[in-house]
Amino acid sequence: MSSESVLLEGEKSESRTRFDWDFDSLRHTYGQISEIALGEFKLDVYPNQIEVITAEQMLDVYSSIGMPLMYLHWSFGKHFARDETLYRRGLRNLAYEIVINANPCISYLMEENSMTMQSLVIAHAAFGHNHFFKNNHLFQQWTDAEGILDYMEFAKGYISRCEARYGEVAVERVLDAAHALMTQGVHRYPRRKIGGLGDEEKRVQDRLAELERSYNDLWRTVPQNGARDKRRTTEAERRELLGLPEENVLYFLEKKAPLLKPWQREILRIVRHIAQYFYPQKQTKVMNEGCATMVHYETMTRLHEKGQLGDGAMVEFLSSHTNVVLQPDFDDRRYSGINPYALGFGMMQDIKRICLTPTDEDRTWFPQFAGNGDPWETLKEGWANYRDESFIRQYLSPALIRKMKLFAVVDDGVSDLVVKAIHNERGYQTVRSALARQFDTAQKEPEIEIVDVDLDGDRRLMLQHRVYDNVLLAEDDIQPVLRHLADLWGYEVSLSEISSSSDAVLKQHTAAPTGALAT
């Protein structure tokens, strides 16, 4: 159990009297929840900073990808205008909270929430998500909770200074291109960490000097006009020189693009750091929300059992909770896929059941923890060591498959749908694997790598997309993104779509720079 502290912040005004809570009641409720979460469940959390904000402030956080400090960009204003219009017209609701993976962990509460909903949010965000952020191995590996806020302050200031020095239009064009490549701006496999994010500003000058040196070392090997008789570089030499293949496109451009200015490279670095910060969240949506929902459900239930939450408040909580974990059937017009809250909470509750009251089937499938009598330690071990895909493969039970009425179908796009797996021994394994695959980021995002550069010719940058299940890149997206890539590289780029099964070239795309970044 960690030492715990809380800072409550918000605008104190007379308008606050129209709500059924005040800051004293929030502090009192926080203390009650803390006793349960830390004392009974033995959660391990960062210190909490809880801020109460208005609907407009929540919309502002929405528009800037959920970060409390963010540089300016036109796309954020566009998102704000869209979300505000939908909210004012009653066409969408706002989240009860937003939580930031930082140390201290920042939870934003909507001031319009009732006291019951504030209690739910504190349990859900300040303890559920907080514990998951601090303990899951992906967040430990890929994010720097200690330094992210200092880094975002640095990033916002740096981009602001670039706008003042080089012009808003020039900076905006670099950001447009970097944002277009953000999905391909992450390292998917561990690399050596070099310091934290908090002291980033101290390293900028040293890094820019090193970039200039490595740039000279690379491009002085390229034959100049009148020197085409020199020996052409081999593919092995180019791979060693350029560090190919490289999956992180923004990283490669930051280090190797021949025409980018130092300030442009630093902006690419900022964008890819932000992309990397959010990468674990893509891989743990079911687990993260399942953890937070489990914590808020069990906490609110314990508050009610201890007489600290009235019957009316409990009914209000259960009404909201039921809506959150609702899983519409496949033929329901509200169906839009598997609800990660429903699946995550269902799995957490099922693990608790298996720990306390297992069946013979549970003991066969989960001998390592069935009947161990310690659901919270079992859950915490799972939350720490898995991501969605592996968690589902490890913990999804036949009982939950039956309860959620899950089955597997095959749709090859040619013949009729075929039911591939039903509720029997072999079918459970097939359903489990098929569902796990749906939450594997490698299956949802294209596998694109930079594979070569024509150092001896026109300096064309060559990429490959490994095609699985015959799913090609969308035509409407590929050309605009390739043009942004060409602008950053400074020369023509080509992308080959390669079959993962036969290595046959299925499609070829090319793009030339537009000159948008020329200064």
Protein backbone atom coordinates (compact mmCIF):
# COMPACT_ATOMS: atom_id res chain seq x y z
CA MET A 1 0.00 0.00 0.00
CA SER A 2 1.42 3.35 -1.00
CA SER A 3 1.38 6.57 0.98
CA GLU A 4 -1.50 8.65 -0.37
CA SER A 5 -2.23 12.35 -0.54
CA VAL A 6 -4.83 14.41 -2.35
CA LEU A 7 -5.06 17.94 -3.65
CA LEU A 8 -8.55 19.23 -4.49
CA GLU A 9 -8.75 22.19 -6.82
CA GLY A 10 -11.57 24.14 -8.46
CA GLU A 11 -13.18 27.51 -8.82
CA LYS A 12 -15.04 28.29 -5.62
CA SER A 13 -18.02 30.48 -6.40
CA GLU A 14 -21.58 31.06 -5.25
CA SER A 15 -22.83 29.13 -8.27
CA ARG A 16 -21.47 26.02 -6.60
CA THR A 17 -24.45 26.06 -4.22
CA ARG A 18 -26.73 24.73 -6.96
CA PHE A 19 -24.97 21.35 -6.73
CA ASP A 20 -25.52 18.81 -3.95
CA TRP A 21 -21.85 18.69 -2.97
CA ASP A 22 -19.09 20.99 -1.73
CA PHE A 23 -15.33 20.62 -1.28
CA ASP A 24 -15.63 19.50 2.33
CA SER A 25 -17.96 16.66 1.34
CA LEU A 26 -15.59 15.71 -1.49
CA ARG A 27 -12.66 15.51 0.94
CA HIS A 28 -14.70 13.44 3.40
CA THR A 29 -15.86 11.03 0.69
CA TYR A 30 -12.34 10.80 -0.71
CA GLY A 31 -11.13 9.70 2.71
CA GLN A 32 -13.80 7.00 2.95
CA ILE A 33 -12.98 5.70 -0.54
CA SER A 34 -9.26 5.79 0.22
CA GLU A 35 -9.75 3.59 3.31
CA ILE A 36 -11.44 0.94 1.17
CA ALA A 37 -9.20 1.15 -1.93
CA LEU A 38 -5.89 1.30 -0.07
CA GLY A 39 -6.80 -0.40 3.18
CA GLU A 40 -9.02 -3.27 1.99
CA PHE A 41 -8.11 -3.75 -1.68
CA LYS A 42 -4.43 -2.84 -1.10
CA LEU A 43 -4.23 -0.80 -4.32
CA ASP A 44 -0.94 0.96 -5.10
CA VAL A 45 -1.47 4.44 -6.53
CA TYR A 46 0.29 7.69 -7.34
CA PRO A 47 -0.61 10.70 -5.16
CA ASN A 48 -3.88 12.17 -6.41
CA GLN A 49 -4.66 15.65 -7.69
CA ILE A 50 -8.41 16.08 -8.22
CA GLU A 51 -9.65 19.10 -10.17
CA VAL A 52 -13.29 20.14 -10.61
CA ILE A 53 -13.96 21.71 -14.00
CA THR A 54 -16.88 23.07 -16.02
CA ALA A 55 -18.41 21.52 -19.13
CA GLU A 56 -16.56 24.00 -21.34
CA GLN A 57 -13.26 23.14 -19.67
CA MET A 58 -14.01 19.44 -20.18
CA LEU A 59 -14.63 20.11 -23.88
CA ASP A 60 -11.31 21.93 -24.04
CA VAL A 61 -9.51 18.92 -22.54
CA TYR A 62 -11.37 16.66 -25.01
CA SER A 63 -10.17 18.70 -27.98
CA SER A 64 -6.49 18.58 -26.96
CA ILE A 65 -6.39 14.75 -26.75
CA GLY A 66 -6.96 14.75 -23.01
CA MET A 67 -3.78 16.54 -21.95
CA PRO A 68 -3.80 19.40 -19.42
CA LEU A 69 -0.96 21.17 -21.26
CA MET A 70 -0.90 21.11 -25.04
CA TYR A 71 0.55 23.13 -27.88
CA LEU A 72 -1.81 25.01 -30.21
CA HIS A 73 -3.03 23.50 -33.48
CA TRP A 74 -6.03 24.22 -35.69
CA SER A 75 -7.30 20.62 -35.44
CA PHE A 76 -7.88 21.02 -31.69
CA GLY A 77 -10.10 24.04 -32.30
CA LYS A 78 -12.01 22.09 -34.93
CA HIS A 79 -12.63 19.26 -32.49
CA PHE A 80 -13.72 21.74 -29.81
CA ALA A 81 -16.26 23.39 -32.13
CA ARG A 82 -17.67 20.02 -33.20
CA ASP A 83 -17.92 18.58 -29.69
CA GLU A 84 -19.39 21.79 -28.24
CA THR A 85 -22.07 21.94 -30.94
CA LEU A 86 -23.09 18.34 -30.35
CA TYR A 87 -23.10 18.84 -26.58
CA ARG A 88 -25.16 22.05 -26.67
CA ARG A 89 -27.72 20.40 -28.96
CA GLY A 90 -28.03 17.40 -26.65
CA LEU A 91 -26.63 15.00 -29.25
CA ARG A 92 -23.80 13.75 -27.06
CA ASN A 93 -22.90 13.55 -23.40
CA LEU A 94 -19.59 14.37 -21.77
CA ALA A 95 -17.56 11.92 -19.75
CA TYR A 96 -17.97 12.13 -15.99
CA GLU A 97 -14.18 12.43 -15.76
CA ILE A 98 -10.85 12.46 -17.51
CA VAL A 99 -7.75 11.06 -15.83
CA ILE A 100 -4.13 11.82 -16.70
CA ASN A 101 -1.35 9.25 -16.34
CA ALA A 102 1.07 11.40 -14.38
CA ASN A 103 2.66 11.63 -10.95
CA PRO A 104 0.65 13.06 -9.27
CA CYS A 105 -2.28 11.44 -11.07
CA ILE A 106 -4.69 14.17 -12.23
CA SER A 107 -8.43 13.45 -12.26
CA TYR A 108 -10.85 15.99 -13.74
CA LEU A 109 -14.36 15.88 -12.27
CA MET A 110 -17.34 17.60 -13.91
CA GLU A 111 -18.86 20.17 -11.57
CA GLU A 112 -22.35 19.20 -12.84
CA ASN A 113 -21.96 15.69 -11.35
CA SER A 114 -24.06 14.81 -8.33
CA MET A 115 -22.31 13.79 -5.10
CA THR A 116 -23.00 10.14 -5.94
CA MET A 117 -21.36 10.49 -9.35
CA GLN A 118 -18.40 12.36 -7.85
CA SER A 119 -17.91 9.39 -5.52
CA LEU A 120 -18.06 6.97 -8.45
CA VAL A 121 -15.56 9.05 -10.44
CA ILE A 122 -13.10 9.30 -7.55
CA ALA A 123 -13.16 5.53 -7.11
CA HIS A 124 -13.02 4.89 -10.87
CA ALA A 125 -10.31 7.38 -11.86
CA ALA A 126 -8.33 8.37 -8.78
CA PHE A 127 -7.94 4.78 -7.60
CA GLY A 128 -8.87 2.37 -10.43
CA HIS A 129 -7.11 3.99 -13.39
CA ASN A 130 -4.41 5.35 -11.10
CA HIS A 131 -3.48 1.86 -9.86
CA PHE A 132 -3.44 0.52 -13.42
CA PHE A 133 -1.24 3.36 -14.71
CA LYS A 134 1.29 2.87 -11.93
CA ASN A 135 1.52 -0.93 -12.06
CA ASN A 136 0.89 -2.19 -15.61
CA HIS A 137 4.19 -3.16 -17.26
CA LEU A 138 3.37 -1.43 -20.57
CA PHE A 139 2.90 1.93 -18.84
CA GLN A 140 6.07 1.38 -16.83
CA GLN A 141 7.95 0.53 -20.02
CA TRP A 142 6.63 3.20 -22.38
CA THR A 143 5.56 6.21 -20.30
CA ASP A 144 7.24 8.58 -17.88
CA ALA A 145 4.60 9.58 -15.34
CA GLU A 146 7.18 11.61 -13.42
CA GLY A 147 8.16 13.79 -16.36
CA ILE A 148 5.19 13.99 -18.75
CA LEU A 149 3.75 17.26 -17.41
CA ASP A 150 7.15 19.00 -17.46
CA TYR A 151 7.67 17.67 -20.98
CA MET A 152 4.29 18.95 -22.18
CA GLU A 153 5.12 22.36 -20.70
CA PHE A 154 8.42 22.28 -22.59
CA ALA A 155 6.68 21.17 -25.82
CA LYS A 156 4.06 23.91 -25.62
CA GLY A 157 6.71 26.56 -24.97
CA TYR A 158 9.04 25.27 -27.67
CA ILE A 159 6.37 25.25 -30.38
CA SER A 160 5.20 28.70 -29.28
CA ARG A 161 8.76 30.01 -29.65
CA CYS A 162 9.03 28.39 -33.09
CA GLU A 163 5.80 30.11 -34.17
CA ALA A 164 7.20 33.46 -33.05
CA ARG A 165 10.51 32.89 -34.85
CA TYR A 166 9.53 31.00 -38.03
CA GLY A 167 5.85 31.88 -38.40
CA GLU A 168 2.64 30.11 -37.48
CA VAL A 169 2.08 28.79 -41.01
CA ALA A 170 5.52 27.12 -41.19
CA VAL A 171 5.07 25.45 -37.81
CA GLU A 172 1.50 24.40 -38.62
CA ARG A 173 2.63 22.64 -41.80
CA VAL A 174 5.20 20.59 -39.90
CA LEU A 175 2.60 19.68 -37.29
CA ASP A 176 0.08 18.73 -39.99
CA ALA A 177 2.58 16.33 -41.53
CA ALA A 178 3.67 14.91 -38.18
CA HIS A 179 0.07 14.37 -37.04
CA ALA A 180 -0.71 12.51 -40.27
CA LEU A 181 2.10 10.05 -39.42
CA MET A 182 1.41 9.86 -35.69
CA THR A 183 0.15 6.27 -35.80
CA GLN A 184 3.45 5.26 -37.40
CA GLY A 185 5.44 7.29 -34.89
CA VAL A 186 5.83 4.73 -32.11
CA HIS A 187 8.37 2.09 -31.16
CA ARG A 188 6.46 -1.17 -30.77
CA TYR A 189 9.36 -3.02 -29.16
CA PRO A 190 11.47 -2.01 -26.16
CA ARG A 191 14.53 0.17 -26.69
CA ARG A 192 17.11 1.59 -24.36
CA LYS A 193 15.73 4.48 -22.34
CA ILE A 194 17.77 7.69 -22.32
CA GLY A 195 16.74 9.73 -19.29
CA GLY A 196 13.26 10.93 -18.39
CA LEU A 197 11.06 13.47 -20.10
CA GLY A 198 11.25 15.99 -17.30
CA ASP A 199 14.71 17.30 -18.20
CA GLU A 200 14.10 17.31 -21.95
CA GLU A 201 14.79 21.01 -22.43
CA LYS A 202 18.30 20.58 -21.01
CA ARG A 203 19.13 18.04 -23.71
CA VAL A 204 17.79 19.93 -26.75
CA GLN A 205 20.99 21.72 -27.71
CA ASP A 206 23.17 18.62 -27.32
CA ARG A 207 20.71 16.60 -29.37
CA LEU A 208 20.51 19.14 -32.18
CA ALA A 209 24.31 19.24 -32.40
CA GLU A 210 24.42 15.43 -32.61
CA LEU A 211 21.72 15.45 -35.31
CA GLU A 212 23.78 17.86 -37.37
CA ARG A 213 26.85 15.65 -37.04
CA SER A 214 25.02 12.42 -37.94
CA TYR A 215 23.32 14.17 -40.85
CA ASN A 216 26.72 15.15 -42.28
CA ASP A 217 28.12 11.64 -41.81
CA LEU A 218 25.19 10.15 -43.69
CA TRP A 219 24.77 12.44 -46.66
CA ARG A 220 28.45 13.04 -47.41
CA THR A 221 28.47 9.41 -48.64
CA VAL A 222 25.96 10.24 -51.39
CA PRO A 223 27.64 10.70 -54.80
CA GLN A 224 27.61 14.29 -56.03
CA ASN A 225 27.03 15.48 -59.59
CA GLY A 226 29.82 14.28 -61.83
CA ALA A 227 30.70 11.43 -59.46
CA ARG A 228 28.23 8.79 -60.63
CA ASP A 229 31.05 6.38 -61.48
CA LYS A 230 31.63 5.70 -57.79
CA ARG A 231 30.76 2.27 -56.45
CA ARG A 232 27.07 1.98 -55.58
CA THR A 233 26.24 1.19 -51.98
CA THR A 234 24.96 -2.30 -51.27
CA GLU A 235 21.65 -2.98 -49.52
CA ALA A 236 23.53 -4.28 -46.48
CA GLU A 237 25.60 -1.09 -46.30
CA ARG A 238 22.52 1.08 -46.55
CA ARG A 239 20.75 -0.92 -43.87
CA GLU A 240 23.68 -0.52 -41.49
CA LEU A 241 24.14 3.16 -42.28
CA LEU A 242 20.48 4.05 -41.94
CA GLY A 243 19.39 1.53 -39.28
CA LEU A 244 16.88 -0.20 -41.55
CA PRO A 245 14.30 -1.56 -41.50
CA GLU A 246 12.64 1.00 -39.22
CA GLU A 247 9.02 0.80 -38.07
CA ASN A 248 8.97 4.23 -36.39
CA VAL A 249 8.61 6.56 -39.37
CA LEU A 250 8.73 9.79 -37.34
CA TYR A 251 11.87 8.63 -35.53
CA PHE A 252 13.60 7.88 -38.84
CA LEU A 253 12.62 11.26 -40.30
CA GLU A 254 13.77 13.07 -37.19
CA LYS A 255 17.19 11.42 -37.38
CA LYS A 256 17.76 10.99 -41.13
CA ALA A 257 15.62 13.37 -43.24
CA PRO A 258 18.18 15.34 -45.29
CA LEU A 259 16.43 18.71 -45.62
CA LEU A 260 14.72 19.29 -42.27
CA LYS A 261 15.84 22.16 -40.09
CA PRO A 262 16.79 21.44 -36.46
CA TRP A 263 13.58 23.04 -35.12
CA GLN A 264 11.49 20.90 -37.49
CA ARG A 265 13.22 17.75 -36.22
CA GLU A 266 12.46 18.75 -32.64
CA ILE A 267 8.77 19.14 -33.48
CA LEU A 268 8.75 15.63 -34.94
CA ARG A 269 10.30 14.41 -31.72
CA ILE A 270 7.60 16.12 -29.66
CA VAL A 271 4.80 14.55 -31.71
CA ARG A 272 6.29 11.06 -31.55
CA HIS A 273 6.83 11.33 -27.77
CA ILE A 274 3.13 12.13 -27.39
CA ALA A 275 2.21 9.22 -29.68
CA GLN A 276 4.40 6.90 -27.59
CA TYR A 277 2.79 8.16 -24.38
CA PHE A 278 -0.64 7.02 -25.62
CA TYR A 279 0.58 3.74 -27.14
CA PRO A 280 -0.02 1.60 -23.98
CA GLN A 281 -3.57 2.93 -23.72
CA LYS A 282 -4.37 1.50 -27.16
CA GLN A 283 -3.26 -1.93 -25.98
CA THR A 284 -5.05 -1.97 -22.62
CA LYS A 285 -8.50 -0.43 -23.17
CA VAL A 286 -10.38 -3.52 -21.93
CA MET A 287 -8.08 -4.10 -18.95
CA ASN A 288 -7.78 -0.44 -17.95
CA GLU A 289 -11.52 0.24 -18.04
CA GLY A 290 -12.25 -3.17 -16.55
CA CYS A 291 -9.90 -2.44 -13.65
CA ALA A 292 -11.39 1.03 -13.00
CA THR A 293 -14.97 -0.23 -13.32
CA MET A 294 -14.27 -3.15 -10.98
CA VAL A 295 -12.73 -0.80 -8.42
CA HIS A 296 -15.61 1.69 -8.54
CA TYR A 297 -18.25 -1.07 -8.35
CA GLU A 298 -16.66 -2.86 -5.40
CA THR A 299 -15.89 0.44 -3.65
CA MET A 300 -19.43 1.80 -3.98
CA THR A 301 -20.81 -1.55 -2.83
CA ARG A 302 -18.59 -1.46 0.28
CA LEU A 303 -19.63 2.15 1.03
CA HIS A 304 -23.26 1.02 0.93
CA GLU A 305 -22.54 -2.03 3.11
CA LYS A 306 -20.82 0.20 5.67
CA GLY A 307 -23.76 2.62 5.76
CA GLN A 308 -21.74 5.43 4.18
CA LEU A 309 -23.85 5.46 1.00
CA GLY A 310 -27.64 5.68 1.21
CA ASP A 311 -30.11 3.50 -0.66
CA GLY A 312 -31.15 6.32 -2.98
CA ALA A 313 -27.55 7.09 -3.88
CA MET A 314 -26.90 3.38 -4.45
CA VAL A 315 -29.82 3.20 -6.89
CA GLU A 316 -28.46 6.25 -8.73
CA PHE A 317 -25.02 4.63 -8.91
CA LEU A 318 -26.37 1.28 -10.15
CA SER A 319 -28.39 3.02 -12.86
CA SER A 320 -25.28 4.76 -14.19
CA HIS A 321 -23.08 1.69 -13.79
CA THR A 322 -25.56 -0.52 -15.66
CA ASN A 323 -25.57 1.86 -18.61
CA VAL A 324 -21.77 1.88 -18.71
CA VAL A 325 -21.43 -1.92 -18.82
CA LEU A 326 -24.37 -2.54 -21.18
CA GLN A 327 -23.49 -4.88 -24.05
CA PRO A 328 -26.14 -4.70 -26.81
CA ASP A 329 -26.79 -7.92 -28.75
CA PHE A 330 -25.41 -8.16 -32.27
CA ASP A 331 -28.89 -7.57 -33.77
CA ASP A 332 -29.60 -4.55 -31.54
CA ARG A 333 -29.51 -1.22 -33.42
CA ARG A 334 -27.27 0.14 -30.65
CA TYR A 335 -24.62 -2.54 -31.32
CA SER A 336 -21.26 -1.14 -32.44
CA GLY A 337 -18.96 -3.98 -31.42
CA ILE A 338 -17.76 -5.31 -28.09
CA ASN A 339 -18.13 -2.74 -25.29
CA PRO A 340 -14.69 -2.70 -23.56
CA TYR A 341 -16.33 -1.68 -20.27
CA ALA A 342 -18.72 -4.65 -20.47
CA LEU A 343 -16.04 -7.17 -21.41
CA GLY A 344 -13.47 -5.78 -18.96
CA PHE A 345 -15.84 -5.62 -16.00
CA GLY A 346 -17.30 -9.01 -16.89
CA MET A 347 -13.86 -10.60 -16.88
CA MET A 348 -12.87 -8.98 -13.56
CA GLN A 349 -16.09 -10.16 -11.90
CA ASP A 350 -15.60 -13.62 -13.38
CA ILE A 351 -12.04 -13.85 -12.06
CA LYS A 352 -13.34 -12.94 -8.60
CA ARG A 353 -15.97 -15.69 -8.87
CA ILE A 354 -13.39 -18.26 -9.96
CA CYS A 355 -11.15 -17.33 -7.00
CA LEU A 356 -13.98 -17.66 -4.47
CA THR A 357 -16.55 -20.17 -5.78
CA PRO A 358 -15.04 -22.12 -8.70
CA THR A 359 -16.82 -24.89 -10.59
CA ASP A 360 -15.16 -28.08 -11.78
CA GLU A 361 -14.92 -26.47 -15.24
CA ASP A 362 -13.13 -23.45 -13.73
CA ARG A 363 -10.64 -25.70 -11.94
CA THR A 364 -9.86 -27.43 -15.24
CA TRP A 365 -9.35 -24.20 -17.17
CA PHE A 366 -7.69 -22.12 -14.42
CA PRO A 367 -5.86 -24.47 -12.02
CA GLN A 368 -3.34 -21.76 -11.12
CA PHE A 369 -5.86 -19.56 -9.26
CA ALA A 370 -9.25 -21.31 -9.07
CA GLY A 371 -10.36 -21.39 -5.45
CA ASN A 372 -7.33 -19.50 -4.11
CA GLY A 373 -9.61 -17.22 -2.07
CA ASP A 374 -7.66 -14.05 -2.98
CA PRO A 375 -9.36 -12.29 -5.92
CA TRP A 376 -7.68 -8.91 -5.47
CA GLU A 377 -4.15 -10.28 -5.58
CA THR A 378 -5.10 -12.39 -8.61
CA LEU A 379 -6.57 -9.35 -10.35
CA LYS A 380 -3.58 -7.16 -9.52
CA GLU A 381 -1.20 -9.75 -10.93
CA GLY A 382 -3.19 -9.81 -14.17
CA TRP A 383 -3.41 -6.02 -14.37
CA ALA A 384 0.34 -5.73 -13.97
CA ASN A 385 1.54 -8.34 -16.45
CA TYR A 386 -0.76 -8.40 -19.47
CA ARG A 387 -2.25 -6.34 -22.28
CA ASP A 388 -5.74 -6.82 -23.71
CA GLU A 389 -4.84 -9.48 -26.27
CA SER A 390 -2.85 -11.68 -23.86
CA PHE A 391 -5.22 -11.02 -20.94
CA ILE A 392 -8.18 -12.33 -22.94
CA ARG A 393 -6.20 -15.38 -24.07
CA GLN A 394 -5.27 -16.11 -20.46
CA TYR A 395 -8.41 -15.28 -18.47
CA LEU A 396 -11.56 -15.44 -20.66
CA SER A 397 -13.60 -18.35 -19.28
CA PRO A 398 -16.17 -20.64 -20.90
CA ALA A 399 -18.69 -19.41 -18.31
CA LEU A 400 -18.30 -15.79 -19.46
CA ILE A 401 -18.39 -16.82 -23.12
CA ARG A 402 -21.77 -18.44 -22.45
CA LYS A 403 -23.01 -15.50 -20.36
CA MET A 404 -22.10 -12.96 -23.06
CA LYS A 405 -23.35 -15.30 -25.81
CA LEU A 406 -20.10 -15.02 -27.75
CA PHE A 407 -19.51 -17.06 -30.90
CA ALA A 408 -17.12 -16.87 -33.84
CA VAL A 409 -18.08 -16.37 -37.48
CA VAL A 410 -15.98 -16.36 -40.64
CA ASP A 411 -16.55 -13.63 -43.23
CA ASP A 412 -14.17 -13.91 -46.16
CA GLY A 413 -15.99 -11.30 -48.20
CA VAL A 414 -16.89 -13.85 -50.86
CA SER A 415 -19.10 -16.61 -49.47
CA ASP A 416 -21.87 -16.50 -46.87
CA LEU A 417 -21.09 -16.07 -43.19
CA VAL A 418 -20.06 -19.32 -41.53
CA VAL A 419 -20.34 -20.03 -37.79
CA LYS A 420 -16.84 -21.20 -36.90
CA ALA A 421 -17.15 -21.86 -33.17
CA ILE A 422 -19.95 -22.64 -30.75
CA HIS A 423 -20.11 -23.44 -27.05
CA ASN A 424 -18.09 -26.63 -26.78
CA GLU A 425 -14.52 -27.46 -25.72
CA ARG A 426 -12.91 -26.63 -29.06
CA GLY A 427 -15.28 -23.73 -29.65
CA TYR A 428 -14.32 -21.97 -26.42
CA GLN A 429 -10.66 -21.93 -27.46
CA THR A 430 -11.55 -20.63 -30.91
CA VAL A 431 -13.81 -17.88 -29.54
CA ARG A 432 -11.16 -16.87 -27.02
CA SER A 433 -8.47 -16.64 -29.71
CA ALA A 434 -10.72 -14.80 -32.18
CA LEU A 435 -11.75 -12.23 -29.57
CA ALA A 436 -8.17 -11.74 -28.38
CA ARG A 437 -7.10 -11.10 -31.97
CA GLN A 438 -9.64 -8.30 -32.26
CA PHE A 439 -7.85 -6.43 -29.46
CA ASP A 440 -4.34 -6.98 -30.82
CA THR A 441 -3.06 -3.60 -32.06
CA ALA A 442 -0.89 -5.43 -34.61
CA GLN A 443 -4.11 -6.59 -36.28
CA LYS A 444 -5.81 -3.19 -36.17
CA GLU A 445 -2.99 -0.94 -37.38
CA PRO A 446 -1.01 -1.36 -40.61
CA GLU A 447 2.46 -2.87 -40.36
CA ILE A 448 4.56 -0.34 -42.28
CA GLU A 449 8.35 -0.15 -42.31
CA ILE A 450 10.95 1.96 -44.05
CA VAL A 451 13.05 -0.62 -45.88
CA ASP A 452 15.49 1.28 -48.14
CA VAL A 453 16.71 4.62 -49.48
CA ASP A 454 18.17 5.19 -52.96
CA LEU A 455 21.36 6.84 -51.73
CA ASP A 456 23.08 6.53 -55.10
CA GLY A 457 20.22 7.88 -57.21
CA ASP A 458 17.26 10.14 -56.55
CA ARG A 459 17.19 9.59 -52.76
CA ARG A 460 13.77 8.00 -52.95
CA LEU A 461 12.48 6.67 -49.63
CA MET A 462 11.00 3.16 -49.89
CA LEU A 463 8.44 1.67 -47.51
CA GLN A 464 6.59 -1.63 -47.29
CA HIS A 465 3.16 -2.48 -45.93
CA ARG A 466 2.72 -6.12 -44.94
CA VAL A 467 -0.84 -7.02 -45.94
CA TYR A 468 -2.80 -9.46 -43.76
CA ASP A 469 -6.21 -10.93 -44.66
CA ASN A 470 -6.07 -9.04 -47.98
CA VAL A 471 -6.79 -5.71 -46.25
CA LEU A 472 -5.11 -2.97 -48.29
CA LEU A 473 -4.64 0.64 -47.23
CA ALA A 474 -7.58 2.96 -47.91
CA GLU A 475 -7.11 4.83 -51.18
CA ASP A 476 -8.61 8.04 -49.76
CA ASP A 477 -6.00 8.10 -47.01
CA ILE A 478 -2.80 6.81 -48.56
CA GLN A 479 -2.03 9.60 -51.02
CA PRO A 480 -2.48 12.55 -48.60
CA VAL A 481 -0.37 10.76 -45.97
CA LEU A 482 2.36 9.89 -48.49
CA ARG A 483 2.49 13.52 -49.61
CA HIS A 484 3.05 14.59 -46.01
CA LEU A 485 5.77 11.96 -45.73
CA ALA A 486 7.41 13.18 -48.95
CA ASP A 487 7.34 16.77 -47.68
CA LEU A 488 9.17 15.74 -44.51
CA TRP A 489 11.67 13.55 -46.38
CA GLY A 490 12.26 16.16 -49.09
CA TYR A 491 12.31 13.68 -51.99
CA GLU A 492 9.99 11.16 -53.61
CA VAL A 493 8.63 8.30 -51.54
CA SER A 494 7.20 4.94 -52.60
CA LEU A 495 5.17 2.37 -50.68
CA SER A 496 4.72 -1.24 -51.73
CA GLU A 497 1.87 -3.33 -50.33
CA ILE A 498 3.26 -6.85 -49.91
CA SER A 499 1.26 -10.01 -49.26
CA SER A 500 2.25 -11.47 -45.88
CA SER A 501 1.74 -15.01 -47.20
CA SER A 502 3.41 -14.90 -50.63
CA ASP A 503 5.56 -11.71 -50.59
CA ALA A 504 3.87 -10.72 -53.86
CA VAL A 505 3.54 -6.98 -54.55
CA LEU A 506 -0.20 -6.26 -54.47
CA LYS A 507 -0.10 -2.52 -55.02
CA GLN A 508 2.40 0.30 -55.46
CA HIS A 509 2.01 3.93 -54.38
CA THR A 510 4.28 6.92 -54.96
CA ALA A 511 4.22 10.58 -53.97
CA ALA A 512 6.45 13.58 -54.52
CA PRO A 513 7.01 16.48 -52.13
CA THR A 514 4.68 19.45 -52.58
CA GLY A 515 7.19 22.00 -51.34
CA ALA A 516 4.92 22.95 -48.44
CA LEU A 517 7.80 22.83 -45.95
CA ALA A 518 10.28 24.74 -48.09
CA THR A 519 11.41 27.91 -46.35
